[in-house]
N, C-alpha and C. Protein backbone atom coordinates (compact mmCIF):
# COMPACT_ATOMS: atom_id res chain seq x y z
N MET A 1 40.13 49.28 -23.64
CA MET A 1 39.23 49.94 -22.70
C MET A 1 39.63 49.65 -21.25
N PHE A 2 40.37 48.58 -21.01
CA PHE A 2 40.79 48.25 -19.66
C PHE A 2 42.27 48.48 -19.49
N SER A 3 42.74 48.36 -18.28
CA SER A 3 44.08 48.82 -17.96
C SER A 3 45.20 47.88 -18.37
N ARG A 4 44.94 46.58 -18.38
CA ARG A 4 46.03 45.66 -18.65
C ARG A 4 45.54 44.42 -19.36
N HIS A 5 46.36 43.87 -20.21
CA HIS A 5 46.00 42.66 -20.94
C HIS A 5 46.80 41.50 -20.38
N LEU A 6 46.12 40.54 -19.77
CA LEU A 6 46.79 39.34 -19.29
C LEU A 6 47.07 38.40 -20.45
N THR A 7 48.15 37.67 -20.36
CA THR A 7 48.42 36.66 -21.36
C THR A 7 47.56 35.45 -21.08
N SER A 8 47.43 34.58 -22.08
CA SER A 8 46.63 33.36 -21.88
C SER A 8 47.23 32.50 -20.79
N ALA A 9 48.56 32.50 -20.66
CA ALA A 9 49.20 31.69 -19.63
C ALA A 9 48.78 32.18 -18.25
N GLU A 10 48.73 33.51 -18.06
CA GLU A 10 48.30 34.05 -16.78
C GLU A 10 46.86 33.68 -16.48
N VAL A 11 46.00 33.81 -17.47
CA VAL A 11 44.58 33.51 -17.30
C VAL A 11 44.38 32.08 -16.86
N TRP A 12 45.03 31.15 -17.53
CA TRP A 12 44.75 29.74 -17.31
C TRP A 12 45.54 29.14 -16.16
N ASN A 13 46.31 29.96 -15.45
CA ASN A 13 47.04 29.45 -14.30
C ASN A 13 46.27 29.61 -13.00
N PHE A 14 45.05 30.17 -13.05
CA PHE A 14 44.26 30.28 -11.84
C PHE A 14 43.90 28.89 -11.33
N SER A 15 44.20 28.63 -10.05
CA SER A 15 43.90 27.32 -9.49
C SER A 15 42.49 27.25 -8.93
N ASN A 16 41.96 28.38 -8.50
CA ASN A 16 40.62 28.43 -7.93
C ASN A 16 39.68 29.08 -8.94
N PRO A 17 38.69 28.35 -9.46
CA PRO A 17 37.80 28.92 -10.48
C PRO A 17 37.07 30.16 -10.00
N GLN A 18 36.82 30.29 -8.68
CA GLN A 18 36.12 31.47 -8.20
C GLN A 18 37.00 32.71 -8.27
N GLU A 19 38.31 32.53 -8.44
CA GLU A 19 39.19 33.67 -8.59
C GLU A 19 39.19 34.18 -10.03
N PHE A 20 38.67 33.38 -10.92
CA PHE A 20 38.73 33.72 -12.35
C PHE A 20 37.54 34.59 -12.72
N ASN A 21 37.74 35.89 -12.69
CA ASN A 21 36.69 36.83 -13.02
C ASN A 21 37.29 37.95 -13.83
N LEU A 22 37.09 37.91 -15.14
CA LEU A 22 37.77 38.86 -16.02
C LEU A 22 37.31 40.29 -15.81
N LEU A 23 36.03 40.48 -15.48
CA LEU A 23 35.54 41.83 -15.26
C LEU A 23 36.23 42.45 -14.05
N GLU A 24 36.35 41.67 -12.98
CA GLU A 24 36.97 42.18 -11.76
C GLU A 24 38.46 42.42 -11.97
N LEU A 25 39.09 41.55 -12.76
CA LEU A 25 40.52 41.70 -13.02
C LEU A 25 40.82 42.83 -14.00
N LYS A 26 39.78 43.33 -14.64
CA LYS A 26 39.90 44.47 -15.55
C LYS A 26 40.94 44.21 -16.65
N ILE A 27 40.73 43.11 -17.36
CA ILE A 27 41.61 42.84 -18.47
C ILE A 27 40.91 43.17 -19.77
N SER A 28 41.61 43.08 -20.87
CA SER A 28 41.13 43.71 -22.09
C SER A 28 40.42 42.77 -23.05
N PHE A 29 39.86 41.66 -22.55
CA PHE A 29 39.06 40.82 -23.42
C PHE A 29 37.94 40.20 -22.62
N MET A 30 36.99 39.58 -23.31
CA MET A 30 35.85 38.97 -22.63
C MET A 30 35.63 37.56 -23.12
N ILE A 31 35.41 36.65 -22.18
CA ILE A 31 35.01 35.29 -22.51
C ILE A 31 33.60 35.11 -21.96
N LEU A 32 32.65 34.94 -22.87
CA LEU A 32 31.25 34.77 -22.51
C LEU A 32 30.83 33.33 -22.75
N ALA A 33 30.30 32.69 -21.73
CA ALA A 33 29.83 31.32 -21.84
C ALA A 33 28.31 31.30 -21.94
N ILE A 34 27.79 30.62 -22.95
CA ILE A 34 26.34 30.41 -23.07
C ILE A 34 26.08 28.93 -22.88
N SER A 35 25.42 28.60 -21.78
CA SER A 35 25.17 27.21 -21.44
C SER A 35 23.67 26.99 -21.27
N GLY A 36 23.30 25.77 -20.99
CA GLY A 36 21.90 25.44 -20.82
C GLY A 36 21.64 23.99 -21.21
N THR A 37 20.56 23.46 -20.72
CA THR A 37 20.16 22.10 -21.07
C THR A 37 19.94 22.01 -22.59
N PRO A 38 20.28 20.88 -23.21
CA PRO A 38 19.98 20.72 -24.64
C PRO A 38 18.53 21.07 -24.95
N GLY A 39 18.33 21.84 -26.03
CA GLY A 39 16.99 22.22 -26.43
C GLY A 39 16.56 23.60 -25.98
N THR A 40 17.41 24.29 -25.20
CA THR A 40 17.03 25.62 -24.71
C THR A 40 17.35 26.72 -25.72
N GLY A 41 18.08 26.40 -26.79
CA GLY A 41 18.31 27.37 -27.85
C GLY A 41 19.69 27.99 -27.90
N LYS A 42 20.67 27.33 -27.30
CA LYS A 42 22.02 27.90 -27.19
C LYS A 42 22.65 28.26 -28.53
N THR A 43 22.62 27.34 -29.47
CA THR A 43 23.31 27.55 -30.75
C THR A 43 22.71 28.72 -31.52
N SER A 44 21.39 28.73 -31.65
CA SER A 44 20.72 29.81 -32.39
C SER A 44 20.95 31.16 -31.73
N VAL A 45 20.81 31.20 -30.41
CA VAL A 45 21.00 32.45 -29.68
C VAL A 45 22.43 32.94 -29.81
N ALA A 46 23.40 32.03 -29.68
CA ALA A 46 24.80 32.42 -29.76
C ALA A 46 25.14 32.98 -31.14
N GLU A 47 24.63 32.36 -32.18
CA GLU A 47 24.91 32.82 -33.54
C GLU A 47 24.36 34.23 -33.77
N ILE A 48 23.13 34.46 -33.32
CA ILE A 48 22.51 35.79 -33.49
C ILE A 48 23.23 36.82 -32.63
N LEU A 49 23.57 36.42 -31.40
CA LEU A 49 24.25 37.34 -30.48
C LEU A 49 25.58 37.82 -31.06
N VAL A 50 26.38 36.89 -31.56
CA VAL A 50 27.69 37.25 -32.11
C VAL A 50 27.53 38.19 -33.30
N LYS A 51 26.56 37.89 -34.13
CA LYS A 51 26.30 38.76 -35.28
C LYS A 51 25.93 40.17 -34.82
N ASN A 52 25.08 40.26 -33.81
CA ASN A 52 24.65 41.57 -33.30
C ASN A 52 25.78 42.31 -32.61
N LEU A 53 26.57 41.59 -31.81
CA LEU A 53 27.68 42.23 -31.09
C LEU A 53 28.74 42.76 -32.05
N ASN A 54 28.90 42.07 -33.17
CA ASN A 54 29.93 42.46 -34.14
C ASN A 54 29.46 43.53 -35.12
N ALA A 55 28.17 43.82 -35.11
CA ALA A 55 27.65 44.83 -36.03
C ALA A 55 28.29 46.19 -35.73
N GLY A 56 28.90 46.78 -36.70
CA GLY A 56 29.52 48.08 -36.53
C GLY A 56 30.92 48.06 -35.97
N VAL A 57 31.40 46.88 -35.59
CA VAL A 57 32.78 46.77 -35.09
C VAL A 57 33.72 46.72 -36.30
N LYS A 58 34.54 47.72 -36.43
CA LYS A 58 35.39 47.81 -37.62
C LYS A 58 36.70 47.04 -37.47
N LYS A 59 37.26 47.02 -36.29
CA LYS A 59 38.55 46.38 -36.06
C LYS A 59 38.36 44.87 -35.89
N ALA A 60 38.96 44.09 -36.76
CA ALA A 60 38.78 42.64 -36.73
C ALA A 60 39.17 42.04 -35.39
N ALA A 61 40.20 42.60 -34.77
CA ALA A 61 40.69 42.05 -33.50
C ALA A 61 39.69 42.22 -32.36
N ASP A 62 38.75 43.15 -32.51
CA ASP A 62 37.76 43.41 -31.46
C ASP A 62 36.48 42.61 -31.64
N LYS A 63 36.34 41.91 -32.75
CA LYS A 63 35.12 41.15 -33.03
C LYS A 63 35.03 39.92 -32.13
N TYR A 64 33.81 39.54 -31.83
CA TYR A 64 33.58 38.33 -31.05
C TYR A 64 33.73 37.10 -31.94
N LYS A 65 34.40 36.10 -31.40
CA LYS A 65 34.57 34.81 -32.09
C LYS A 65 33.62 33.80 -31.46
N LEU A 66 32.79 33.17 -32.28
CA LEU A 66 31.88 32.14 -31.77
C LEU A 66 32.59 30.79 -31.77
N ILE A 67 32.56 30.13 -30.61
CA ILE A 67 33.16 28.81 -30.48
C ILE A 67 32.06 27.82 -30.10
N VAL A 68 31.80 26.88 -30.98
CA VAL A 68 30.85 25.79 -30.69
C VAL A 68 31.66 24.69 -30.01
N LEU A 69 31.40 24.47 -28.75
CA LEU A 69 32.26 23.60 -27.95
C LEU A 69 32.26 22.15 -28.42
N ASN A 70 31.16 21.68 -28.96
CA ASN A 70 31.15 20.31 -29.48
C ASN A 70 32.15 20.16 -30.62
N LYS A 71 32.24 21.18 -31.48
CA LYS A 71 33.20 21.15 -32.58
C LYS A 71 34.62 21.29 -32.07
N LEU A 72 34.80 22.15 -31.08
CA LEU A 72 36.14 22.32 -30.50
C LEU A 72 36.60 21.03 -29.82
N ALA A 73 35.67 20.34 -29.17
CA ALA A 73 36.01 19.09 -28.49
C ALA A 73 36.55 18.06 -29.49
N GLU A 74 35.94 18.02 -30.66
CA GLU A 74 36.41 17.09 -31.69
C GLU A 74 37.79 17.49 -32.19
N LYS A 75 37.97 18.79 -32.44
CA LYS A 75 39.25 19.28 -32.95
C LYS A 75 40.37 19.11 -31.92
N ALA A 76 40.04 19.33 -30.64
CA ALA A 76 41.03 19.25 -29.58
C ALA A 76 41.21 17.83 -29.05
N LYS A 77 40.52 16.87 -29.67
CA LYS A 77 40.58 15.47 -29.25
C LYS A 77 40.19 15.33 -27.78
N ALA A 78 39.14 16.07 -27.41
CA ALA A 78 38.65 16.05 -26.03
C ALA A 78 37.49 15.08 -25.85
N GLN A 79 37.15 14.34 -26.90
CA GLN A 79 36.10 13.33 -26.79
C GLN A 79 36.72 12.05 -26.24
N VAL A 80 36.52 11.82 -24.95
CA VAL A 80 37.25 10.75 -24.25
C VAL A 80 36.45 9.47 -24.07
N GLY A 81 35.21 9.45 -24.54
CA GLY A 81 34.42 8.24 -24.39
C GLY A 81 33.03 8.42 -24.96
N TYR A 82 32.23 7.36 -24.83
CA TYR A 82 30.86 7.41 -25.36
C TYR A 82 29.92 6.72 -24.38
N ASP A 83 28.82 7.39 -24.03
CA ASP A 83 27.80 6.85 -23.14
C ASP A 83 26.69 6.25 -24.00
N ALA A 84 26.70 4.94 -24.14
CA ALA A 84 25.75 4.27 -25.03
C ALA A 84 24.31 4.41 -24.53
N LYS A 85 24.13 4.44 -23.22
CA LYS A 85 22.79 4.55 -22.65
C LYS A 85 22.14 5.88 -23.03
N ARG A 86 22.95 6.93 -23.01
CA ARG A 86 22.43 8.28 -23.28
C ARG A 86 22.73 8.75 -24.71
N HIS A 87 23.38 7.90 -25.48
CA HIS A 87 23.75 8.27 -26.85
C HIS A 87 24.53 9.59 -26.85
N SER A 88 25.48 9.70 -25.94
CA SER A 88 26.20 10.96 -25.76
C SER A 88 27.71 10.73 -25.73
N THR A 89 28.43 11.69 -26.33
CA THR A 89 29.88 11.67 -26.26
C THR A 89 30.33 12.25 -24.92
N ILE A 90 31.32 11.63 -24.30
CA ILE A 90 31.86 12.11 -23.04
C ILE A 90 33.03 13.05 -23.34
N ILE A 91 32.96 14.26 -22.79
CA ILE A 91 33.97 15.28 -23.07
C ILE A 91 34.92 15.43 -21.88
N GLY A 92 36.21 15.44 -22.16
CA GLY A 92 37.22 15.70 -21.13
C GLY A 92 37.45 17.20 -21.01
N ILE A 93 37.01 17.79 -19.89
CA ILE A 93 37.07 19.24 -19.73
C ILE A 93 38.52 19.75 -19.75
N THR A 94 39.44 19.01 -19.17
CA THR A 94 40.84 19.45 -19.16
C THR A 94 41.39 19.56 -20.58
N LYS A 95 41.11 18.58 -21.41
CA LYS A 95 41.57 18.63 -22.80
C LYS A 95 40.88 19.76 -23.55
N LEU A 96 39.62 19.99 -23.22
CA LEU A 96 38.88 21.06 -23.88
C LEU A 96 39.49 22.42 -23.52
N LYS A 97 39.90 22.59 -22.27
CA LYS A 97 40.56 23.83 -21.85
C LYS A 97 41.83 24.07 -22.65
N ASP A 98 42.56 23.00 -22.90
CA ASP A 98 43.80 23.13 -23.68
C ASP A 98 43.51 23.66 -25.08
N GLY A 99 42.43 23.17 -25.68
CA GLY A 99 42.05 23.65 -27.00
C GLY A 99 41.60 25.09 -26.97
N LEU A 100 40.96 25.49 -25.88
CA LEU A 100 40.46 26.86 -25.75
C LEU A 100 41.60 27.84 -25.53
N LYS A 101 42.66 27.39 -24.88
CA LYS A 101 43.82 28.26 -24.63
C LYS A 101 44.34 28.86 -25.93
N GLU A 102 44.45 28.04 -26.94
CA GLU A 102 45.00 28.50 -28.22
C GLU A 102 44.13 29.60 -28.83
N LEU A 103 42.82 29.49 -28.68
CA LEU A 103 41.92 30.48 -29.25
C LEU A 103 41.98 31.80 -28.50
N ILE A 104 42.26 31.75 -27.20
CA ILE A 104 42.36 32.97 -26.41
C ILE A 104 43.50 33.85 -26.93
N ASP A 105 44.58 33.22 -27.38
CA ASP A 105 45.71 33.97 -27.91
C ASP A 105 45.38 34.66 -29.22
N LYS A 106 44.39 34.16 -29.94
CA LYS A 106 44.10 34.66 -31.28
C LYS A 106 42.93 35.64 -31.33
N HIS A 107 42.06 35.60 -30.31
CA HIS A 107 40.83 36.40 -30.36
C HIS A 107 40.64 37.21 -29.07
N THR A 108 40.28 38.47 -29.24
CA THR A 108 40.08 39.36 -28.09
C THR A 108 38.83 38.99 -27.31
N ASN A 109 37.74 38.74 -28.02
CA ASN A 109 36.45 38.45 -27.39
C ASN A 109 35.91 37.12 -27.90
N ILE A 110 35.42 36.31 -26.98
CA ILE A 110 34.97 34.97 -27.32
C ILE A 110 33.57 34.71 -26.75
N VAL A 111 32.71 34.13 -27.57
CA VAL A 111 31.43 33.59 -27.10
C VAL A 111 31.49 32.08 -27.32
N MET A 112 31.45 31.32 -26.26
CA MET A 112 31.47 29.87 -26.40
C MET A 112 30.12 29.31 -25.98
N GLU A 113 29.62 28.37 -26.77
CA GLU A 113 28.29 27.81 -26.46
C GLU A 113 28.36 26.30 -26.42
N GLY A 114 27.62 25.76 -25.47
CA GLY A 114 27.56 24.32 -25.29
C GLY A 114 27.00 24.02 -23.91
N HIS A 115 26.45 22.84 -23.72
CA HIS A 115 25.82 22.55 -22.42
C HIS A 115 26.84 22.31 -21.31
N PHE A 116 28.13 22.40 -21.64
CA PHE A 116 29.16 22.34 -20.60
C PHE A 116 30.01 23.61 -20.58
N ALA A 117 29.53 24.67 -21.24
CA ALA A 117 30.28 25.93 -21.28
C ALA A 117 30.48 26.51 -19.88
N HIS A 118 29.53 26.28 -19.00
CA HIS A 118 29.62 26.82 -17.64
C HIS A 118 30.71 26.15 -16.81
N LEU A 119 31.25 25.04 -17.30
CA LEU A 119 32.32 24.34 -16.59
C LEU A 119 33.70 24.88 -16.96
N LEU A 120 33.74 25.83 -17.88
CA LEU A 120 34.99 26.42 -18.33
C LEU A 120 35.15 27.83 -17.75
N PRO A 121 36.38 28.30 -17.61
CA PRO A 121 36.58 29.66 -17.10
C PRO A 121 35.94 30.69 -18.02
N ALA A 122 35.24 31.64 -17.44
CA ALA A 122 34.58 32.71 -18.21
C ALA A 122 34.36 33.88 -17.28
N ASP A 123 34.22 35.07 -17.84
CA ASP A 123 33.94 36.20 -16.97
C ASP A 123 32.45 36.51 -16.92
N MET A 124 31.67 35.86 -17.76
CA MET A 124 30.22 35.97 -17.67
C MET A 124 29.60 34.68 -18.19
N VAL A 125 28.58 34.20 -17.48
CA VAL A 125 27.91 32.96 -17.85
C VAL A 125 26.42 33.23 -18.03
N ILE A 126 25.92 32.92 -19.20
CA ILE A 126 24.48 33.02 -19.48
C ILE A 126 23.92 31.60 -19.56
N ILE A 127 22.97 31.29 -18.70
CA ILE A 127 22.33 29.97 -18.71
C ILE A 127 20.92 30.13 -19.28
N LEU A 128 20.69 29.49 -20.40
CA LEU A 128 19.36 29.54 -21.01
C LEU A 128 18.47 28.49 -20.35
N ARG A 129 17.26 28.90 -19.98
CA ARG A 129 16.33 28.02 -19.30
C ARG A 129 15.06 27.86 -20.15
N CYS A 130 14.34 26.78 -19.90
CA CYS A 130 13.09 26.53 -20.62
C CYS A 130 12.17 25.69 -19.74
N GLU A 131 10.91 26.06 -19.69
CA GLU A 131 9.93 25.32 -18.89
C GLU A 131 9.99 23.84 -19.28
N PRO A 132 10.14 22.92 -18.32
CA PRO A 132 10.42 21.52 -18.60
C PRO A 132 9.46 20.82 -19.57
N LYS A 133 8.16 21.07 -19.46
CA LYS A 133 7.23 20.41 -20.38
C LYS A 133 7.41 20.90 -21.80
N THR A 134 7.68 22.21 -21.93
CA THR A 134 7.97 22.77 -23.25
C THR A 134 9.27 22.20 -23.78
N LEU A 135 10.26 22.10 -22.92
CA LEU A 135 11.55 21.54 -23.31
C LEU A 135 11.41 20.10 -23.76
N GLU A 136 10.59 19.35 -23.03
CA GLU A 136 10.39 17.95 -23.39
C GLU A 136 9.81 17.82 -24.79
N ARG A 137 8.87 18.68 -25.14
CA ARG A 137 8.30 18.66 -26.49
C ARG A 137 9.36 18.99 -27.54
N ARG A 138 10.20 19.96 -27.23
CA ARG A 138 11.29 20.31 -28.15
C ARG A 138 12.24 19.12 -28.35
N LEU A 139 12.58 18.48 -27.24
CA LEU A 139 13.56 17.39 -27.30
C LEU A 139 13.01 16.17 -28.04
N LYS A 140 11.72 15.92 -27.93
CA LYS A 140 11.11 14.80 -28.64
C LYS A 140 11.23 14.98 -30.15
N GLY A 141 11.26 16.23 -30.59
CA GLY A 141 11.44 16.50 -32.01
C GLY A 141 12.90 16.47 -32.43
N LYS A 142 13.78 16.42 -31.44
CA LYS A 142 15.23 16.47 -31.71
C LYS A 142 15.91 15.11 -31.55
N TYR A 143 15.44 14.32 -30.59
CA TYR A 143 16.08 13.04 -30.28
C TYR A 143 15.09 11.89 -30.45
N ASP A 144 15.62 10.72 -30.82
CA ASP A 144 14.79 9.55 -31.04
C ASP A 144 14.71 8.63 -29.82
N TRP A 145 15.57 8.87 -28.82
CA TRP A 145 15.60 7.95 -27.70
C TRP A 145 15.03 8.64 -26.45
N PRO A 146 14.08 7.98 -25.77
CA PRO A 146 13.37 8.60 -24.65
C PRO A 146 14.23 8.92 -23.44
N THR A 147 15.30 8.14 -23.20
CA THR A 147 16.15 8.38 -22.03
C THR A 147 16.73 9.78 -22.05
N LYS A 148 17.22 10.22 -23.21
CA LYS A 148 17.83 11.54 -23.31
C LYS A 148 16.79 12.63 -23.09
N VAL A 149 15.60 12.42 -23.61
CA VAL A 149 14.53 13.41 -23.45
C VAL A 149 14.16 13.54 -21.97
N THR A 150 13.92 12.42 -21.33
CA THR A 150 13.49 12.42 -19.92
C THR A 150 14.55 12.99 -19.01
N GLU A 151 15.78 12.55 -19.16
CA GLU A 151 16.85 13.00 -18.27
C GLU A 151 17.13 14.49 -18.43
N ASN A 152 17.08 14.99 -19.65
CA ASN A 152 17.34 16.41 -19.85
C ASN A 152 16.20 17.26 -19.30
N ALA A 153 14.97 16.80 -19.47
CA ALA A 153 13.83 17.54 -18.92
C ALA A 153 13.90 17.58 -17.39
N GLU A 154 14.30 16.46 -16.80
CA GLU A 154 14.44 16.41 -15.34
C GLU A 154 15.59 17.30 -14.86
N ALA A 155 16.68 17.31 -15.62
CA ALA A 155 17.81 18.16 -15.26
C ALA A 155 17.42 19.63 -15.30
N GLU A 156 16.60 20.00 -16.29
CA GLU A 156 16.14 21.38 -16.39
C GLU A 156 15.21 21.72 -15.23
N LEU A 157 14.33 20.79 -14.88
CA LEU A 157 13.42 21.00 -13.77
C LEU A 157 14.19 21.29 -12.48
N MET A 158 15.26 20.55 -12.26
CA MET A 158 16.04 20.69 -11.02
C MET A 158 17.09 21.79 -11.09
N GLY A 159 17.29 22.37 -12.26
CA GLY A 159 18.29 23.44 -12.38
C GLY A 159 19.71 22.96 -12.20
N ILE A 160 20.01 21.79 -12.76
CA ILE A 160 21.32 21.17 -12.58
C ILE A 160 22.45 22.07 -13.08
N ILE A 161 22.30 22.65 -14.24
CA ILE A 161 23.39 23.46 -14.81
C ILE A 161 23.66 24.68 -13.94
N THR A 162 22.62 25.32 -13.45
CA THR A 162 22.82 26.45 -12.55
C THR A 162 23.55 26.01 -11.29
N ASP A 163 23.15 24.87 -10.73
CA ASP A 163 23.81 24.36 -9.52
C ASP A 163 25.29 24.07 -9.78
N GLU A 164 25.61 23.60 -10.98
CA GLU A 164 27.01 23.33 -11.31
C GLU A 164 27.80 24.62 -11.49
N ALA A 165 27.14 25.63 -12.04
CA ALA A 165 27.84 26.89 -12.34
C ALA A 165 28.14 27.71 -11.09
N LEU A 166 27.25 27.68 -10.11
CA LEU A 166 27.38 28.55 -8.95
C LEU A 166 28.71 28.44 -8.22
N PRO A 167 29.22 27.23 -7.94
CA PRO A 167 30.50 27.18 -7.23
C PRO A 167 31.71 27.51 -8.09
N MET A 168 31.50 27.62 -9.39
CA MET A 168 32.63 27.85 -10.30
C MET A 168 32.78 29.31 -10.71
N HIS A 169 31.74 30.12 -10.49
CA HIS A 169 31.77 31.51 -10.93
C HIS A 169 31.17 32.39 -9.84
N LYS A 170 31.65 33.60 -9.74
CA LYS A 170 31.16 34.51 -8.71
C LYS A 170 29.74 34.97 -9.02
N VAL A 171 28.93 35.11 -7.96
CA VAL A 171 27.60 35.66 -8.11
C VAL A 171 27.73 37.08 -8.66
N GLY A 172 26.88 37.40 -9.60
CA GLY A 172 27.00 38.69 -10.26
C GLY A 172 27.54 38.54 -11.67
N THR A 173 28.07 37.34 -11.96
CA THR A 173 28.56 37.06 -13.31
C THR A 173 27.75 35.95 -13.97
N ILE A 174 26.76 35.42 -13.25
CA ILE A 174 25.91 34.35 -13.78
C ILE A 174 24.49 34.88 -13.95
N PHE A 175 23.90 34.62 -15.11
CA PHE A 175 22.55 35.07 -15.40
C PHE A 175 21.74 33.94 -16.02
N GLU A 176 20.43 33.92 -15.74
CA GLU A 176 19.52 32.93 -16.30
C GLU A 176 18.48 33.64 -17.16
N VAL A 177 18.32 33.19 -18.40
CA VAL A 177 17.36 33.80 -19.32
C VAL A 177 16.34 32.74 -19.73
N ASP A 178 15.09 33.01 -19.47
CA ASP A 178 14.00 32.08 -19.81
C ASP A 178 13.67 32.21 -21.30
N THR A 179 13.83 31.11 -22.02
CA THR A 179 13.57 31.11 -23.47
C THR A 179 12.22 30.51 -23.83
N THR A 180 11.42 30.13 -22.83
CA THR A 180 10.20 29.36 -23.07
C THR A 180 9.29 30.00 -24.11
N GLU A 181 9.00 31.27 -23.95
CA GLU A 181 8.07 31.95 -24.85
C GLU A 181 8.77 33.04 -25.66
N ARG A 182 10.07 32.89 -25.83
CA ARG A 182 10.83 33.89 -26.58
C ARG A 182 11.47 33.25 -27.81
N THR A 183 11.58 34.02 -28.87
CA THR A 183 12.31 33.57 -30.05
C THR A 183 13.80 33.68 -29.77
N ALA A 184 14.59 33.08 -30.63
CA ALA A 184 16.05 33.18 -30.49
C ALA A 184 16.49 34.63 -30.61
N GLU A 185 15.84 35.39 -31.49
CA GLU A 185 16.18 36.81 -31.66
C GLU A 185 15.89 37.61 -30.39
N GLN A 186 14.74 37.35 -29.78
CA GLN A 186 14.37 38.06 -28.55
C GLN A 186 15.34 37.71 -27.42
N THR A 187 15.69 36.44 -27.34
CA THR A 187 16.61 36.00 -26.29
C THR A 187 17.99 36.63 -26.49
N ALA A 188 18.47 36.63 -27.73
CA ALA A 188 19.78 37.22 -28.03
C ALA A 188 19.81 38.70 -27.67
N GLU A 189 18.69 39.38 -27.88
CA GLU A 189 18.62 40.81 -27.55
C GLU A 189 18.77 41.02 -26.05
N ILE A 190 18.12 40.16 -25.26
CA ILE A 190 18.24 40.25 -23.80
C ILE A 190 19.67 39.97 -23.36
N VAL A 191 20.27 38.93 -23.93
CA VAL A 191 21.64 38.58 -23.57
C VAL A 191 22.59 39.73 -23.92
N GLN A 192 22.37 40.35 -25.06
CA GLN A 192 23.22 41.47 -25.45
C GLN A 192 23.12 42.62 -24.46
N ARG A 193 21.91 42.89 -23.97
CA ARG A 193 21.76 43.96 -22.98
C ARG A 193 22.49 43.61 -21.69
N ILE A 194 22.45 42.34 -21.32
CA ILE A 194 23.18 41.90 -20.12
C ILE A 194 24.67 42.10 -20.32
N VAL A 195 25.18 41.66 -21.46
CA VAL A 195 26.61 41.79 -21.76
C VAL A 195 27.04 43.25 -21.76
N GLU A 196 26.19 44.12 -22.28
CA GLU A 196 26.54 45.53 -22.39
C GLU A 196 26.31 46.32 -21.11
N GLY A 197 25.85 45.63 -20.05
CA GLY A 197 25.76 46.25 -18.74
C GLY A 197 24.45 46.90 -18.39
N ASN A 198 23.38 46.59 -19.13
CA ASN A 198 22.07 47.15 -18.83
C ASN A 198 21.61 46.65 -17.45
N GLU A 199 21.42 47.58 -16.52
CA GLU A 199 21.11 47.21 -15.14
C GLU A 199 19.78 46.47 -15.02
N ARG A 200 18.78 46.94 -15.74
CA ARG A 200 17.46 46.30 -15.66
C ARG A 200 17.54 44.86 -16.17
N ALA A 201 18.22 44.66 -17.31
CA ALA A 201 18.35 43.31 -17.87
C ALA A 201 19.09 42.39 -16.91
N ARG A 202 20.10 42.93 -16.25
CA ARG A 202 20.86 42.11 -15.31
C ARG A 202 20.04 41.76 -14.07
N LEU A 203 19.26 42.70 -13.59
CA LEU A 203 18.42 42.43 -12.42
C LEU A 203 17.31 41.43 -12.75
N GLU A 204 16.68 41.61 -13.90
CA GLU A 204 15.56 40.74 -14.28
C GLU A 204 16.02 39.32 -14.59
N ASN A 205 17.26 39.15 -14.91
CA ASN A 205 17.77 37.83 -15.29
C ASN A 205 18.88 37.34 -14.37
N ALA A 206 18.90 37.87 -13.16
CA ALA A 206 19.90 37.45 -12.18
C ALA A 206 19.72 35.98 -11.84
N VAL A 207 20.80 35.31 -11.54
CA VAL A 207 20.73 33.89 -11.21
C VAL A 207 19.82 33.68 -10.01
N GLY A 208 19.00 32.63 -10.08
CA GLY A 208 18.06 32.33 -9.00
C GLY A 208 16.64 32.77 -9.31
N GLY A 209 16.47 33.45 -10.42
CA GLY A 209 15.16 33.94 -10.78
C GLY A 209 14.26 32.91 -11.44
N VAL A 210 14.83 31.77 -11.82
CA VAL A 210 14.06 30.70 -12.47
C VAL A 210 13.98 29.51 -11.54
N ASP A 211 12.77 29.07 -11.22
CA ASP A 211 12.59 27.90 -10.36
C ASP A 211 11.34 27.16 -10.83
N TRP A 212 11.58 26.10 -11.63
CA TRP A 212 10.45 25.35 -12.19
C TRP A 212 9.79 24.46 -11.14
N THR A 213 10.48 24.16 -10.05
CA THR A 213 9.93 23.23 -9.06
C THR A 213 8.65 23.77 -8.42
N LYS A 214 8.47 25.08 -8.45
CA LYS A 214 7.27 25.68 -7.86
C LYS A 214 6.01 25.35 -8.67
N SER A 215 6.21 24.96 -9.92
CA SER A 215 5.07 24.68 -10.82
C SER A 215 4.75 23.20 -10.88
N PHE A 216 5.54 22.35 -10.23
CA PHE A 216 5.33 20.91 -10.32
C PHE A 216 5.03 20.31 -8.97
């Protein structure tokens, strides 16, 4: 559908992340990043989204490939340490990029999900958001240690992931979707409309539309 297909070597040689915009470069594949604070629903939404995007796609090469970044990090040996205080594995982004390069050569369209997906090159970034008190309740059911629950809820309140994404991707390619009162299916439907270019969905979920600090 686009005019030229860049090789993976060309794609990954960009030195300035703000120059990396696949839509603007008009190349023939898409890398979609789904990020968000733990507990916002990334995995469920990504799985449903990929299934929906691939519905009716007959050519295998055109199907979206779902990449769970935590699994890729393990396979690519990008787990460079462990934070005992937060019970979290430390991921080396450079090593993770190396693992992602290989997948770009094999798949035309990629959906990658993980709370550090926004730190990787992509032509569209979807950040899932959730009202902090609701998120805290979700996280208490997911984690046994209070530090992780508190820190993630605070990070969501302050919009840390959005702040990290903004300098790495051009405005117009970053979107925030509130999952607080939506099911994974409803959220995936909104994300699909954004991906497919629905103007209303893009306007309603433009970056900057979520600000929890006004409620606290």
